[in-house]
Amino acid sequence: MEKHEQIYSSRKQIFFNNFLGGIAWALGATVGITIIIVIIGFILKNVDLIPFFGKFVSGILTFVLQNNPNLIK
């Protein structure tokens, strides 16, 4: 326990080390999520799922509008 108290002897140093740790964590999280989004975007671009989702949403809208014609006004 004495080594820990010697390394972090002042509150200013504790604050500074935690601040730098927080910045490093945020930067790592940002870079990580960016890489994940790029990979997912690349996969979705090559799989061509957009027409499937378009047909799915179109079918839902058609069903809703056929059952509730008063929504079109």
Protein backbone atom coordinates (compact mmCIF):
# COMPACT_ATOMS: atom_id res chain seq x y z
CA MET A 1 0.00 0.00 0.00
CA GLU A 2 2.93 2.33 0.61
CA LYS A 3 4.03 2.19 -3.05
CA HIS A 4 0.57 3.24 -4.16
CA GLU A 5 0.60 6.18 -1.76
CA GLN A 6 4.05 7.25 -2.94
CA ILE A 7 3.07 7.18 -6.63
CA TYR A 8 -0.19 9.07 -6.13
CA SER A 9 0.81 11.50 -3.44
CA SER A 10 -1.21 14.51 -4.56
CA ARG A 11 -4.80 14.99 -5.65
CA LYS A 12 -3.62 16.98 -8.64
CA GLN A 13 -1.63 14.00 -9.90
CA ILE A 14 -4.57 11.63 -9.29
CA PHE A 15 -6.89 13.96 -11.22
CA PHE A 16 -4.40 14.32 -14.07
CA ASN A 17 -3.86 10.55 -14.39
CA ASN A 18 -7.60 9.85 -14.34
CA PHE A 19 -8.20 12.61 -16.88
CA LEU A 20 -5.60 11.15 -19.25
CA GLY A 21 -7.08 7.68 -18.72
CA GLY A 22 -10.54 8.99 -19.60
CA ILE A 23 -9.28 10.66 -22.76
CA ALA A 24 -7.49 7.46 -23.80
CA TRP A 25 -10.64 5.39 -23.13
CA ALA A 26 -12.84 7.77 -25.15
CA LEU A 27 -10.39 7.83 -28.04
CA GLY A 28 -10.15 4.04 -28.06
CA ALA A 29 -13.93 3.67 -27.93
CA THR A 30 -14.36 6.14 -30.80
CA VAL A 31 -11.80 4.42 -32.99
CA GLY A 32 -13.23 1.00 -32.15
CA ILE A 33 -16.83 1.89 -32.94
CA THR A 34 -15.71 3.59 -36.17
CA ILE A 35 -13.96 0.41 -37.29
CA ILE A 36 -17.03 -1.68 -36.42
CA ILE A 37 -19.38 0.66 -38.33
CA VAL A 38 -17.09 0.62 -41.39
CA ILE A 39 -16.98 -3.18 -41.37
CA ILE A 40 -20.78 -3.45 -41.00
CA GLY A 41 -21.28 -0.88 -43.77
CA PHE A 42 -18.93 -2.76 -46.07
CA ILE A 43 -20.76 -6.04 -45.40
CA LEU A 44 -24.19 -4.48 -45.97
CA LYS A 45 -22.97 -2.84 -49.18
CA ASN A 46 -21.86 -6.18 -50.59
CA VAL A 47 -24.86 -8.21 -49.42
CA ASP A 48 -27.50 -5.99 -51.09
CA LEU A 49 -30.08 -6.15 -48.30
CA ILE A 50 -31.56 -2.74 -49.13
CA PRO A 51 -34.07 -4.03 -51.73
CA PHE A 52 -35.28 -6.61 -49.20
CA PHE A 53 -35.89 -3.93 -46.56
CA GLY A 54 -37.59 -1.69 -49.14
CA LYS A 55 -40.02 -4.44 -50.12
CA PHE A 56 -40.64 -5.25 -46.46
CA VAL A 57 -41.47 -1.63 -45.56
CA SER A 58 -43.57 -1.26 -48.71
CA GLY A 59 -45.59 -4.34 -47.76
CA ILE A 60 -46.20 -2.97 -44.26
CA LEU A 61 -47.32 0.42 -45.63
CA THR A 62 -49.63 -1.23 -48.16
CA PHE A 63 -51.21 -3.39 -45.46
CA VAL A 64 -51.71 -0.45 -43.09
CA LEU A 65 -53.16 1.82 -45.78
CA GLN A 66 -55.53 -0.90 -47.05
CA ASN A 67 -56.88 -1.46 -43.54
CA ASN A 68 -57.04 2.25 -42.63
CA PRO A 69 -57.90 4.24 -45.78
CA ASN A 70 -58.69 7.31 -43.65
CA LEU A 71 -54.93 7.77 -43.04
CA ILE A 72 -54.58 9.15 -46.59
CA LYS A 73 -55.85 12.70 -46.33
